[in-house]
Amino acid sequence: QPWIMEVYASTVPRPYASSVAQELFESGTIPADTDFRIFRDFGKLSGVDLAWSTNGYVYHTHLDTADRVPLGALQHTGDNVLALTHGLLASEKLEFSGDEDEGQPVFFDVP
C-alpha cells in the first residue's frame, strides 16, 4: 500500500529503497524469496518487506549465521522498524477498511 511507504518515508531516521534491487528480486534474478510472502500471498496483508544486500548470497543458507550480520545494519534496521511502528500506529490510515484499491506501487531509489 502506498500509504505505508508514505509513513515509512516520513518517520524512519534512515529511509532507503532500491528500485534496482526490487526489479532484480521480482524478476527472479536474485535466487531468494521473502519471509513476507506468506502474509502477502495467503493473508492478503500489506506491509513493508525489509532486506539487507550485504552478504546477500548467504541468505537462507547454512552460511546464514548471526555473526555475518553487520551490527550497523542491525542497528539501522531496528531504528527504522521502531520508528515505522510508531508512525503506523499513529496513522489514521491504519483504520482503512481495505475496500479501496490504491493501485500498484512504484519503487524508486532513496539515498
C-alpha atoms as a PDB file:
ATOM      1  CA  GLN A   1       0.000   0.000   0.000  1.00  0.00           C
ATOM      2  CA  PRO A   2       1.444   3.387  -0.955  1.00  0.00           C
ATOM      3  CA  TRP A   3       0.309   4.948   2.331  1.00  0.00           C
ATOM      4  CA  ILE A   4       2.608   2.608   4.221  1.00  0.00           C
ATOM      5  CA  MET A   5       5.550   3.903   2.191  1.00  0.00           C
ATOM      6  CA  GLU A   6       4.455   7.468   2.912  1.00  0.00           C
ATOM      7  CA  VAL A   7       4.580   6.694   6.630  1.00  0.00           C
ATOM      8  CA  TYR A   8       7.939   4.965   6.140  1.00  0.00           C
ATOM      9  CA  ALA A   9       9.428   7.937   4.299  1.00  0.00           C
ATOM     10  CA  SER A  10       8.165  10.447   6.839  1.00  0.00           C
ATOM     11  CA  THR A  11       9.036   8.605  10.053  1.00  0.00           C
ATOM     12  CA  VAL A  12      12.141   6.438   9.781  1.00  0.00           C
ATOM     13  CA  PRO A  13      15.505   8.013  10.586  1.00  0.00           C
ATOM     14  CA  ARG A  14      17.367   6.203   7.793  1.00  0.00           C
ATOM     15  CA  PRO A  15      14.981   5.624   4.863  1.00  0.00           C
ATOM     16  CA  TYR A  16      16.335   3.567   1.985  1.00  0.00           C
ATOM     17  CA  ALA A  17      14.812   1.847  -1.016  1.00  0.00           C
ATOM     18  CA  SER A  18      16.252   0.457  -4.234  1.00  0.00           C
ATOM     19  CA  SER A  19      14.344   0.132  -7.477  1.00  0.00           C
ATOM     20  CA  VAL A  20      17.150  -1.972  -8.955  1.00  0.00           C
ATOM     21  CA  ALA A  21      17.064  -4.454  -6.088  1.00  0.00           C
ATOM     22  CA  GLN A  22      13.266  -4.640  -6.293  1.00  0.00           C
ATOM     23  CA  GLU A  23      13.344  -5.324 -10.033  1.00  0.00           C
ATOM     24  CA  LEU A  24      16.057  -7.966  -9.655  1.00  0.00           C
ATOM     25  CA  PHE A  25      14.142  -9.617  -6.837  1.00  0.00           C
ATOM     26  CA  GLU A  26      10.809  -9.642  -8.687  1.00  0.00           C
ATOM     27  CA  SER A  27      12.411 -10.943 -11.895  1.00  0.00           C
ATOM     28  CA  GLY A  28      13.878 -13.956 -10.103  1.00  0.00           C
ATOM     29  CA  THR A  29      17.431 -12.910 -10.941  1.00  0.00           C
ATOM     30  CA  ILE A  30      18.186 -12.935  -7.233  1.00  0.00           C
ATOM     31  CA  PRO A  31      17.559 -16.538  -6.160  1.00  0.00           C
ATOM     32  CA  ALA A  32      15.771 -15.706  -2.929  1.00  0.00           C
ATOM     33  CA  ASP A  33      12.319 -15.433  -1.505  1.00  0.00           C
ATOM     34  CA  THR A  34      10.883 -13.207   1.159  1.00  0.00           C
ATOM     35  CA  ASP A  35       9.638 -14.219   4.574  1.00  0.00           C
ATOM     36  CA  PHE A  36       6.848 -11.714   3.998  1.00  0.00           C
ATOM     37  CA  ARG A  37       5.468 -13.725   1.051  1.00  0.00           C
ATOM     38  CA  ILE A  38       3.250 -15.935   3.204  1.00  0.00           C
ATOM     39  CA  PHE A  39       1.498 -12.891   4.663  1.00  0.00           C
ATOM     40  CA  ARG A  40       1.165 -11.245   1.250  1.00  0.00           C
ATOM     41  CA  ASP A  41       0.013 -14.286  -0.722  1.00  0.00           C
ATOM     42  CA  PHE A  42      -2.184 -16.083   1.789  1.00  0.00           C
ATOM     43  CA  GLY A  43      -3.174 -13.380   4.229  1.00  0.00           C
ATOM     44  CA  LYS A  44      -3.526 -10.623   1.620  1.00  0.00           C
ATOM     45  CA  LEU A  45      -1.753  -8.352   4.100  1.00  0.00           C
ATOM     46  CA  SER A  46       0.080  -5.204   3.127  1.00  0.00           C
ATOM     47  CA  GLY A  47       3.391  -4.418   4.686  1.00  0.00           C
ATOM     48  CA  VAL A  48       6.980  -3.361   4.316  1.00  0.00           C
ATOM     49  CA  ASP A  49       9.490  -6.026   3.368  1.00  0.00           C
ATOM     50  CA  LEU A  50      12.958  -5.165   4.645  1.00  0.00           C
ATOM     51  CA  ALA A  51      16.111  -6.800   3.338  1.00  0.00           C
ATOM     52  CA  TRP A  52      19.871  -6.383   3.526  1.00  0.00           C
ATOM     53  CA  SER A  53      22.052  -6.684   0.481  1.00  0.00           C
ATOM     54  CA  THR A  54      25.308  -7.155   2.384  1.00  0.00           C
ATOM     55  CA  ASN A  55      26.205 -10.850   2.377  1.00  0.00           C
ATOM     56  CA  GLY A  56      23.001 -11.497   0.437  1.00  0.00           C
ATOM     57  CA  TYR A  57      24.475 -14.654  -1.048  1.00  0.00           C
ATOM     58  CA  VAL A  58      24.192 -16.405   2.333  1.00  0.00           C
ATOM     59  CA  TYR A  59      20.505 -15.578   2.868  1.00  0.00           C
ATOM     60  CA  HIS A  60      18.587 -18.698   3.938  1.00  0.00           C
ATOM     61  CA  THR A  61      21.594 -20.978   3.501  1.00  0.00           C
ATOM     62  CA  HIS A  62      23.664 -22.873   6.053  1.00  0.00           C
ATOM     63  CA  LEU A  63      26.027 -19.875   5.967  1.00  0.00           C
ATOM     64  CA  ASP A  64      23.269 -17.543   7.205  1.00  0.00           C
ATOM     65  CA  THR A  65      24.532 -17.028  10.755  1.00  0.00           C
ATOM     66  CA  ALA A  66      24.221 -14.182  13.237  1.00  0.00           C
ATOM     67  CA  ASP A  67      27.931 -13.365  13.065  1.00  0.00           C
ATOM     68  CA  ARG A  68      27.542 -12.429   9.380  1.00  0.00           C
ATOM     69  CA  VAL A  69      25.017  -9.694  10.156  1.00  0.00           C
ATOM     70  CA  PRO A  70      26.747  -6.305  10.216  1.00  0.00           C
ATOM     71  CA  LEU A  71      25.967  -4.701  13.581  1.00  0.00           C
ATOM     72  CA  GLY A  72      25.413  -1.317  11.936  1.00  0.00           C
ATOM     73  CA  ALA A  73      22.808  -2.801   9.607  1.00  0.00           C
ATOM     74  CA  LEU A  74      21.077  -4.415  12.551  1.00  0.00           C
ATOM     75  CA  GLN A  75      21.047  -1.117  14.472  1.00  0.00           C
ATOM     76  CA  HIS A  76      19.756   0.879  11.492  1.00  0.00           C
ATOM     77  CA  THR A  77      17.043  -1.687  10.820  1.00  0.00           C
ATOM     78  CA  GLY A  78      15.972  -1.669  14.461  1.00  0.00           C
ATOM     79  CA  ASP A  79      15.865   2.130  14.498  1.00  0.00           C
ATOM     80  CA  ASN A  80      13.760   2.156  11.332  1.00  0.00           C
ATOM     81  CA  VAL A  81      11.383  -0.593  12.457  1.00  0.00           C
ATOM     82  CA  LEU A  82      10.751   1.092  15.799  1.00  0.00           C
ATOM     83  CA  ALA A  83      10.093   4.473  14.171  1.00  0.00           C
ATOM     84  CA  LEU A  84       7.896   2.882  11.487  1.00  0.00           C
ATOM     85  CA  THR A  85       5.869   1.037  14.113  1.00  0.00           C
ATOM     86  CA  HIS A  86       5.232   4.289  15.969  1.00  0.00           C
ATOM     87  CA  GLY A  87       4.331   6.009  12.691  1.00  0.00           C
ATOM     88  CA  LEU A  88       1.924   3.272  11.619  1.00  0.00           C
ATOM     89  CA  LEU A  89       0.213   3.189  14.990  1.00  0.00           C
ATOM     90  CA  ALA A  90      -0.298   6.954  14.813  1.00  0.00           C
ATOM     91  CA  SER A  91      -1.617   6.878  11.234  1.00  0.00           C
ATOM     92  CA  GLU A  92      -5.309   7.375  10.542  1.00  0.00           C
ATOM     93  CA  LYS A  93      -4.897   5.081   7.524  1.00  0.00           C
ATOM     94  CA  LEU A  94      -4.462   2.127   9.871  1.00  0.00           C
ATOM     95  CA  GLU A  95      -8.242   2.123  10.241  1.00  0.00           C
ATOM     96  CA  PHE A  96      -8.711   1.859   6.455  1.00  0.00           C
ATOM     97  CA  SER A  97     -11.274  -0.806   5.537  1.00  0.00           C
ATOM     98  CA  GLY A  98      -9.336  -2.172   2.567  1.00  0.00           C
ATOM     99  CA  ASP A  99     -12.153  -1.679   0.052  1.00  0.00           C
ATOM    100  CA  GLU A 100     -10.281   0.968  -1.907  1.00  0.00           C
ATOM    101  CA  ASP A 101      -7.642  -0.133  -4.416  1.00  0.00           C
ATOM    102  CA  GLU A 102      -4.681   2.236  -4.438  1.00  0.00           C
ATOM    103  CA  GLY A 103      -3.045   0.562  -7.443  1.00  0.00           C
ATOM    104  CA  GLN A 104       0.387  -0.954  -7.979  1.00  0.00           C
ATOM    105  CA  PRO A 105       3.149   0.842  -6.089  1.00  0.00           C
ATOM    106  CA  VAL A 106       6.110   2.286  -7.950  1.00  0.00           C
ATOM    107  CA  PHE A 107       9.547   1.677  -6.465  1.00  0.00           C
ATOM    108  CA  PHE A 108      12.368   4.172  -6.673  1.00  0.00           C
ATOM    109  CA  ASP A 109      15.800   4.664  -5.153  1.00  0.00           C
ATOM    110  CA  VAL A 110      16.094   6.674  -1.964  1.00  0.00           C
ATOM    111  CA  PRO A 111      19.654   7.630  -0.960  1.00  0.00           C
END
